[in-house]
Amino acid sequence: MQWTDYITPLMEGAWVTIQLTFYSTILGAVLAFAAGIGKLSHNWAIKSVSVGYIEVFRGTSLLVQLFWLYFALPIAGTAMGIDLRLPPVLAGVLALGLNIGAYGAEVVRGAIQAVHTDQHEAARALNFTPRQTLWRVVLPQAIPEMMPSFGNLAVQNLKDTALVSLISLGDLTFRAEQIRNFTQDSTTIYTMLLFTYFGMALVLTALMRWLEHAVTRWRTVGG
């Protein structure tokens, strides 16, 4: 086989990797805001759930989380008489999203707490409720501060998708390993794999920087 024969299967795997990255990053962003805001809540139940989620998923291995969702959860479901088997794609998205969401939650919390107390006092002077203060005053100022860290997490999430190959999901790494096993051409395959991930990371970084600039312009215009 020529190296050009490797391109089609690798691109098929790259498309799976792109989808995993997109969906898990969206899920992670939603969870990050929910848990980050929840950790600052005065409601003990909401705060406890948020802290528990953050600590568990930041304190355990992503690989173990992935294996638990794909292998252990169905066994636990069978013991309870419930079918909890997850398709590989769903297990991958959930594991990646839950993991990046826990790290993103700390970014959200830190950015919210970094908003100057004068802003909160001004909101109270205008008779804003806590919810109005959060959505109209705090978050518009905090979100631009979160974007650089979110960009780093998104790139890290892209690289972490390689782990889903261990549950036989046909992502970029899985396809590359299939080709390598068939051809024994490790040097070519892994070099192509290296540069493919590098190229995808560059594109994702550019997209996140564009989004960061867009959010910053929105804040400036809104202000």
C-alpha atoms as a PDB file:
ATOM      1  CA  MET A   1       0.000   0.000   0.000  1.00  0.00           C
ATOM      2  CA  GLN A   2       1.105   3.571  -0.746  1.00  0.00           C
ATOM      3  CA  TRP A   3       0.765   6.288   1.875  1.00  0.00           C
ATOM      4  CA  THR A   4      -1.991   7.841  -0.273  1.00  0.00           C
ATOM      5  CA  ASP A   5      -4.072   4.720   0.356  1.00  0.00           C
ATOM      6  CA  TYR A   6      -4.114   5.591   4.049  1.00  0.00           C
ATOM      7  CA  ILE A   7      -5.823   8.948   3.572  1.00  0.00           C
ATOM      8  CA  THR A   8      -9.426   7.804   3.031  1.00  0.00           C
ATOM      9  CA  PRO A   9      -9.738   5.616   6.178  1.00  0.00           C
ATOM     10  CA  LEU A  10      -7.885   8.226   8.236  1.00  0.00           C
ATOM     11  CA  MET A  11     -10.244  10.962   7.039  1.00  0.00           C
ATOM     12  CA  GLU A  12     -13.219   8.776   7.954  1.00  0.00           C
ATOM     13  CA  GLY A  13     -11.766   8.423  11.442  1.00  0.00           C
ATOM     14  CA  ALA A  14     -11.015  12.166  11.572  1.00  0.00           C
ATOM     15  CA  TRP A  15     -14.681  12.916  10.875  1.00  0.00           C
ATOM     16  CA  VAL A  16     -15.687  10.758  13.859  1.00  0.00           C
ATOM     17  CA  THR A  17     -13.104  12.596  15.983  1.00  0.00           C
ATOM     18  CA  ILE A  18     -14.488  15.973  14.863  1.00  0.00           C
ATOM     19  CA  GLN A  19     -18.033  14.950  15.795  1.00  0.00           C
ATOM     20  CA  LEU A  20     -16.902  13.640  19.189  1.00  0.00           C
ATOM     21  CA  THR A  21     -15.008  16.854  19.854  1.00  0.00           C
ATOM     22  CA  PHE A  22     -17.929  19.065  18.826  1.00  0.00           C
ATOM     23  CA  TYR A  23     -20.665  17.305  20.781  1.00  0.00           C
ATOM     24  CA  SER A  24     -18.599  16.670  23.909  1.00  0.00           C
ATOM     25  CA  THR A  25     -17.333  20.265  23.966  1.00  0.00           C
ATOM     26  CA  ILE A  26     -20.913  21.586  23.736  1.00  0.00           C
ATOM     27  CA  LEU A  27     -22.010  19.219  26.499  1.00  0.00           C
ATOM     28  CA  GLY A  28     -18.986  20.189  28.576  1.00  0.00           C
ATOM     29  CA  ALA A  29     -19.730  23.909  28.186  1.00  0.00           C
ATOM     30  CA  VAL A  30     -23.318  23.428  29.376  1.00  0.00           C
ATOM     31  CA  LEU A  31     -22.181  21.366  32.359  1.00  0.00           C
ATOM     32  CA  ALA A  32     -19.405  23.858  33.136  1.00  0.00           C
ATOM     33  CA  PHE A  33     -21.842  26.757  33.437  1.00  0.00           C
ATOM     34  CA  ALA A  34     -24.368  24.685  35.388  1.00  0.00           C
ATOM     35  CA  ALA A  35     -21.806  23.331  37.868  1.00  0.00           C
ATOM     36  CA  GLY A  36     -19.749  26.523  38.066  1.00  0.00           C
ATOM     37  CA  ILE A  37     -22.781  28.644  38.893  1.00  0.00           C
ATOM     38  CA  GLY A  38     -24.171  25.875  41.101  1.00  0.00           C
ATOM     39  CA  LYS A  39     -20.996  25.806  43.178  1.00  0.00           C
ATOM     40  CA  LEU A  40     -21.627  29.455  44.076  1.00  0.00           C
ATOM     41  CA  SER A  41     -25.278  28.843  44.913  1.00  0.00           C
ATOM     42  CA  HIS A  42     -26.600  29.538  48.410  1.00  0.00           C
ATOM     43  CA  ASN A  43     -28.815  26.453  48.085  1.00  0.00           C
ATOM     44  CA  TRP A  44     -26.911  23.683  49.873  1.00  0.00           C
ATOM     45  CA  ALA A  45     -28.399  20.903  47.733  1.00  0.00           C
ATOM     46  CA  ILE A  46     -27.417  22.550  44.434  1.00  0.00           C
ATOM     47  CA  LYS A  47     -23.989  23.442  45.790  1.00  0.00           C
ATOM     48  CA  SER A  48     -23.397  19.914  47.103  1.00  0.00           C
ATOM     49  CA  VAL A  49     -24.331  18.281  43.791  1.00  0.00           C
ATOM     50  CA  SER A  50     -22.119  20.721  41.889  1.00  0.00           C
ATOM     51  CA  VAL A  51     -19.129  20.255  44.185  1.00  0.00           C
ATOM     52  CA  GLY A  52     -19.561  16.477  44.144  1.00  0.00           C
ATOM     53  CA  TYR A  53     -19.661  16.371  40.345  1.00  0.00           C
ATOM     54  CA  ILE A  54     -16.613  18.622  39.995  1.00  0.00           C
ATOM     55  CA  GLU A  55     -14.497  16.748  42.522  1.00  0.00           C
ATOM     56  CA  VAL A  56     -15.358  13.268  41.210  1.00  0.00           C
ATOM     57  CA  PHE A  57     -14.669  14.008  37.559  1.00  0.00           C
ATOM     58  CA  ARG A  58     -11.577  16.129  38.230  1.00  0.00           C
ATOM     59  CA  GLY A  59     -10.226  13.624  40.710  1.00  0.00           C
ATOM     60  CA  THR A  60     -10.536  10.463  38.617  1.00  0.00           C
ATOM     61  CA  SER A  61      -9.011   9.339  35.335  1.00  0.00           C
ATOM     62  CA  LEU A  62     -10.864  10.082  32.081  1.00  0.00           C
ATOM     63  CA  LEU A  63      -9.972   6.599  30.882  1.00  0.00           C
ATOM     64  CA  VAL A  64     -11.553   5.034  33.956  1.00  0.00           C
ATOM     65  CA  GLN A  65     -14.645   7.215  33.509  1.00  0.00           C
ATOM     66  CA  LEU A  66     -14.926   6.058  29.901  1.00  0.00           C
ATOM     67  CA  PHE A  67     -14.549   2.394  30.836  1.00  0.00           C
ATOM     68  CA  TRP A  68     -17.058   2.771  33.675  1.00  0.00           C
ATOM     69  CA  LEU A  69     -19.709   4.243  31.382  1.00  0.00           C
ATOM     70  CA  TYR A  70     -19.140   1.687  28.630  1.00  0.00           C
ATOM     71  CA  PHE A  71     -18.371  -1.500  30.559  1.00  0.00           C
ATOM     72  CA  ALA A  72     -19.413  -1.114  34.211  1.00  0.00           C
ATOM     73  CA  LEU A  73     -22.669   0.854  33.852  1.00  0.00           C
ATOM     74  CA  PRO A  74     -24.423  -1.864  31.786  1.00  0.00           C
ATOM     75  CA  ILE A  75     -23.465  -4.485  34.388  1.00  0.00           C
ATOM     76  CA  ALA A  76     -24.855  -2.289  37.170  1.00  0.00           C
ATOM     77  CA  GLY A  77     -28.003  -1.773  35.108  1.00  0.00           C
ATOM     78  CA  THR A  78     -28.429  -5.515  34.586  1.00  0.00           C
ATOM     79  CA  ALA A  79     -28.236  -6.063  38.345  1.00  0.00           C
ATOM     80  CA  MET A  80     -31.099  -3.571  38.743  1.00  0.00           C
ATOM     81  CA  GLY A  81     -33.060  -5.007  35.825  1.00  0.00           C
ATOM     82  CA  ILE A  82     -32.448  -1.935  33.638  1.00  0.00           C
ATOM     83  CA  ASP A  83     -30.800  -1.855  30.227  1.00  0.00           C
ATOM     84  CA  LEU A  84     -28.107   0.807  30.569  1.00  0.00           C
ATOM     85  CA  ARG A  85     -25.956  -0.198  27.606  1.00  0.00           C
ATOM     86  CA  LEU A  86     -24.609   2.840  25.786  1.00  0.00           C
ATOM     87  CA  PRO A  87     -23.542   3.006  22.129  1.00  0.00           C
ATOM     88  CA  PRO A  88     -19.799   3.709  21.852  1.00  0.00           C
ATOM     89  CA  VAL A  89     -20.413   7.206  20.447  1.00  0.00           C
ATOM     90  CA  LEU A  90     -22.732   8.161  23.307  1.00  0.00           C
ATOM     91  CA  ALA A  91     -20.356   6.717  25.914  1.00  0.00           C
ATOM     92  CA  GLY A  92     -17.494   8.671  24.376  1.00  0.00           C
ATOM     93  CA  VAL A  93     -19.404  11.949  24.241  1.00  0.00           C
ATOM     94  CA  LEU A  94     -20.643  11.550  27.817  1.00  0.00           C
ATOM     95  CA  ALA A  95     -17.229  10.693  29.251  1.00  0.00           C
ATOM     96  CA  LEU A  96     -15.472  13.522  27.421  1.00  0.00           C
ATOM     97  CA  GLY A  97     -18.252  16.033  28.126  1.00  0.00           C
ATOM     98  CA  LEU A  98     -18.510  15.178  31.811  1.00  0.00           C
ATOM     99  CA  ASN A  99     -14.738  15.406  32.201  1.00  0.00           C
ATOM    100  CA  ILE A 100     -14.221  18.715  30.409  1.00  0.00           C
ATOM    101  CA  GLY A 101     -17.327  20.111  32.119  1.00  0.00           C
ATOM    102  CA  ALA A 102     -15.821  19.509  35.553  1.00  0.00           C
ATOM    103  CA  TYR A 103     -12.643  21.396  34.643  1.00  0.00           C
ATOM    104  CA  GLY A 104     -14.635  24.121  32.893  1.00  0.00           C
ATOM    105  CA  ALA A 105     -16.796  24.574  35.992  1.00  0.00           C
ATOM    106  CA  GLU A 106     -13.772  25.850  37.906  1.00  0.00           C
ATOM    107  CA  VAL A 107     -13.059  28.289  35.070  1.00  0.00           C
ATOM    108  CA  VAL A 108     -16.641  29.579  35.268  1.00  0.00           C
ATOM    109  CA  ARG A 109     -16.529  29.861  39.052  1.00  0.00           C
ATOM    110  CA  GLY A 110     -13.237  31.722  39.010  1.00  0.00           C
ATOM    111  CA  ALA A 111     -14.345  34.169  36.308  1.00  0.00           C
ATOM    112  CA  ILE A 112     -17.594  34.934  38.128  1.00  0.00           C
ATOM    113  CA  GLN A 113     -15.809  35.530  41.415  1.00  0.00           C
ATOM    114  CA  ALA A 114     -13.307  37.790  39.631  1.00  0.00           C
ATOM    115  CA  VAL A 115     -16.042  40.316  38.772  1.00  0.00           C
ATOM    116  CA  HIS A 116     -15.487  43.285  41.076  1.00  0.00           C
ATOM    117  CA  THR A 117     -17.791  43.616  44.069  1.00  0.00           C
ATOM    118  CA  ASP A 118     -18.645  47.163  42.962  1.00  0.00           C
ATOM    119  CA  GLN A 119     -20.642  45.623  40.131  1.00  0.00           C
ATOM    120  CA  HIS A 120     -22.741  43.632  42.590  1.00  0.00           C
ATOM    121  CA  GLU A 121     -23.307  46.704  44.737  1.00  0.00           C
ATOM    122  CA  ALA A 122     -24.388  48.718  41.702  1.00  0.00           C
ATOM    123  CA  ALA A 123     -26.829  45.983  40.734  1.00  0.00           C
ATOM    124  CA  ARG A 124     -28.309  45.953  44.232  1.00  0.00           C
ATOM    125  CA  ALA A 125     -28.649  49.737  44.068  1.00  0.00           C
ATOM    126  CA  LEU A 126     -30.732  49.256  40.919  1.00  0.00           C
ATOM    127  CA  ASN A 127     -32.911  46.707  42.751  1.00  0.00           C
ATOM    128  CA  PHE A 128     -31.737  43.805  40.590  1.00  0.00           C
ATOM    129  CA  THR A 129     -32.566  40.354  41.873  1.00  0.00           C
ATOM    130  CA  PRO A 130     -29.651  37.894  42.278  1.00  0.00           C
ATOM    131  CA  ARG A 131     -30.704  36.195  39.040  1.00  0.00           C
ATOM    132  CA  GLN A 132     -30.833  39.502  37.153  1.00  0.00           C
ATOM    133  CA  THR A 133     -27.440  40.447  38.568  1.00  0.00           C
ATOM    134  CA  LEU A 134     -25.973  37.164  37.358  1.00  0.00           C
ATOM    135  CA  TRP A 135     -27.376  37.288  33.817  1.00  0.00           C
ATOM    136  CA  ARG A 136     -27.263  41.034  33.153  1.00  0.00           C
ATOM    137  CA  VAL A 137     -24.189  42.156  35.043  1.00  0.00           C
ATOM    138  CA  VAL A 138     -21.858  39.330  36.067  1.00  0.00           C
ATOM    139  CA  LEU A 139     -21.891  36.873  33.157  1.00  0.00           C
ATOM    140  CA  PRO A 140     -21.462  39.506  30.398  1.00  0.00           C
ATOM    141  CA  GLN A 141     -18.237  40.532  32.136  1.00  0.00           C
ATOM    142  CA  ALA A 142     -17.110  37.043  33.143  1.00  0.00           C
ATOM    143  CA  ILE A 143     -17.606  35.196  29.843  1.00  0.00           C
ATOM    144  CA  PRO A 144     -14.821  37.025  27.929  1.00  0.00           C
ATOM    145  CA  GLU A 145     -12.443  36.159  30.772  1.00  0.00           C
ATOM    146  CA  MET A 146     -13.349  32.485  30.445  1.00  0.00           C
ATOM    147  CA  MET A 147     -12.668  32.191  26.729  1.00  0.00           C
ATOM    148  CA  PRO A 148      -8.862  31.653  26.723  1.00  0.00           C
ATOM    149  CA  SER A 149      -9.200  28.844  29.283  1.00  0.00           C
ATOM    150  CA  PHE A 150     -12.144  27.356  27.398  1.00  0.00           C
ATOM    151  CA  GLY A 151     -10.007  27.371  24.255  1.00  0.00           C
ATOM    152  CA  ASN A 152      -7.296  25.380  26.018  1.00  0.00           C
ATOM    153  CA  LEU A 153      -9.867  22.915  27.341  1.00  0.00           C
ATOM    154  CA  ALA A 154     -11.363  22.448  23.869  1.00  0.00           C
ATOM    155  CA  VAL A 155      -7.949  21.585  22.405  1.00  0.00           C
ATOM    156  CA  GLN A 156      -7.276  19.216  25.304  1.00  0.00           C
ATOM    157  CA  ASN A 157     -10.655  17.613  24.665  1.00  0.00           C
ATOM    158  CA  LEU A 158      -9.724  17.055  21.009  1.00  0.00           C
ATOM    159  CA  LYS A 159      -6.576  15.208  22.058  1.00  0.00           C
ATOM    160  CA  ASP A 160      -8.451  13.199  24.690  1.00  0.00           C
ATOM    161  CA  THR A 161     -10.793  11.784  22.026  1.00  0.00           C
ATOM    162  CA  ALA A 162      -8.005   9.333  21.162  1.00  0.00           C
ATOM    163  CA  LEU A 163      -9.024   7.341  24.248  1.00  0.00           C
ATOM    164  CA  VAL A 164     -12.334   6.301  22.667  1.00  0.00           C
ATOM    165  CA  SER A 165     -10.399   3.992  20.347  1.00  0.00           C
ATOM    166  CA  LEU A 166     -10.103   1.696  23.390  1.00  0.00           C
ATOM    167  CA  ILE A 167     -13.851   0.987  23.263  1.00  0.00           C
ATOM    168  CA  SER A 168     -13.618   0.141  19.535  1.00  0.00           C
ATOM    169  CA  LEU A 169     -15.056   3.423  18.331  1.00  0.00           C
ATOM    170  CA  GLY A 170     -13.783   4.135  14.821  1.00  0.00           C
ATOM    171  CA  ASP A 171     -12.146   7.476  15.471  1.00  0.00           C
ATOM    172  CA  LEU A 172      -8.881   8.730  13.977  1.00  0.00           C
ATOM    173  CA  THR A 173      -6.649   6.760  16.361  1.00  0.00           C
ATOM    174  CA  PHE A 174      -8.662   3.561  15.922  1.00  0.00           C
ATOM    175  CA  ARG A 175      -8.451   3.788  12.122  1.00  0.00           C
ATOM    176  CA  ALA A 176      -4.728   4.461  12.281  1.00  0.00           C
ATOM    177  CA  GLU A 177      -4.199   1.444  14.504  1.00  0.00           C
ATOM    178  CA  GLN A 178      -6.201  -0.746  12.112  1.00  0.00           C
ATOM    179  CA  ILE A 179      -4.020   0.332   9.195  1.00  0.00           C
ATOM    180  CA  ARG A 180      -0.827  -0.149  11.194  1.00  0.00           C
ATOM    181  CA  ASN A 181      -1.830  -3.678  12.192  1.00  0.00           C
ATOM    182  CA  PHE A 182      -2.517  -4.511   8.541  1.00  0.00           C
ATOM    183  CA  THR A 183       0.558  -2.886   6.982  1.00  0.00           C
ATOM    184  CA  GLN A 184       3.075  -2.825   9.871  1.00  0.00           C
ATOM    185  CA  ASP A 185       4.061   0.618   8.545  1.00  0.00           C
ATOM    186  CA  SER A 186       4.276   2.274  11.950  1.00  0.00           C
ATOM    187  CA  THR A 187       6.479   5.211  10.944  1.00  0.00           C
ATOM    188  CA  THR A 188       4.225   6.464   8.156  1.00  0.00           C
ATOM    189  CA  ILE A 189       0.972   5.845   9.996  1.00  0.00           C
ATOM    190  CA  TYR A 190       1.945   7.496  13.262  1.00  0.00           C
ATOM    191  CA  THR A 191       3.569  10.415  11.471  1.00  0.00           C
ATOM    192  CA  MET A 192       0.358  11.036   9.523  1.00  0.00           C
ATOM    193  CA  LEU A 193      -1.626  10.639  12.748  1.00  0.00           C
ATOM    194  CA  LEU A 194       0.607  13.140  14.526  1.00  0.00           C
ATOM    195  CA  PHE A 195       0.242  15.790  11.851  1.00  0.00           C
ATOM    196  CA  THR A 196      -3.506  15.202  11.477  1.00  0.00           C
ATOM    197  CA  TYR A 197      -4.111  15.867  15.170  1.00  0.00           C
ATOM    198  CA  PHE A 198      -1.768  18.850  14.983  1.00  0.00           C
ATOM    199  CA  GLY A 199      -3.684  20.306  12.021  1.00  0.00           C
ATOM    200  CA  MET A 200      -7.036  19.760  13.718  1.00  0.00           C
ATOM    201  CA  ALA A 201      -5.734  21.417  16.888  1.00  0.00           C
ATOM    202  CA  LEU A 202      -4.567  24.443  14.877  1.00  0.00           C
ATOM    203  CA  VAL A 203      -7.988  24.812  13.256  1.00  0.00           C
ATOM    204  CA  LEU A 204      -9.764  24.441  16.607  1.00  0.00           C
ATOM    205  CA  THR A 205      -7.424  26.994  18.205  1.00  0.00           C
ATOM    206  CA  ALA A 206      -8.173  29.459  15.401  1.00  0.00           C
ATOM    207  CA  LEU A 207     -11.922  28.917  15.839  1.00  0.00           C
ATOM    208  CA  MET A 208     -11.715  29.451  19.587  1.00  0.00           C
ATOM    209  CA  ARG A 209      -9.687  32.641  19.116  1.00  0.00           C
ATOM    210  CA  TRP A 210     -12.264  33.909  16.632  1.00  0.00           C
ATOM    211  CA  LEU A 211     -15.009  33.120  19.147  1.00  0.00           C
ATOM    212  CA  GLU A 212     -13.018  34.886  21.861  1.00  0.00           C
ATOM    213  CA  HIS A 213     -12.710  38.028  19.713  1.00  0.00           C
ATOM    214  CA  ALA A 214     -16.421  37.843  18.840  1.00  0.00           C
ATOM    215  CA  VAL A 215     -17.388  37.624  22.520  1.00  0.00           C
ATOM    216  CA  THR A 216     -15.063  40.513  23.354  1.00  0.00           C
ATOM    217  CA  ARG A 217     -16.608  42.690  20.611  1.00  0.00           C
ATOM    218  CA  TRP A 218     -20.095  41.734  21.837  1.00  0.00           C
ATOM    219  CA  ARG A 219     -19.163  42.812  25.352  1.00  0.00           C
ATOM    220  CA  THR A 220     -17.718  46.117  24.068  1.00  0.00           C
ATOM    221  CA  VAL A 221     -20.772  46.885  21.940  1.00  0.00           C
ATOM    222  CA  GLY A 222     -23.116  45.750  24.735  1.00  0.00           C
ATOM    223  CA  GLY A 223     -21.280  47.911  27.241  1.00  0.00           C
END
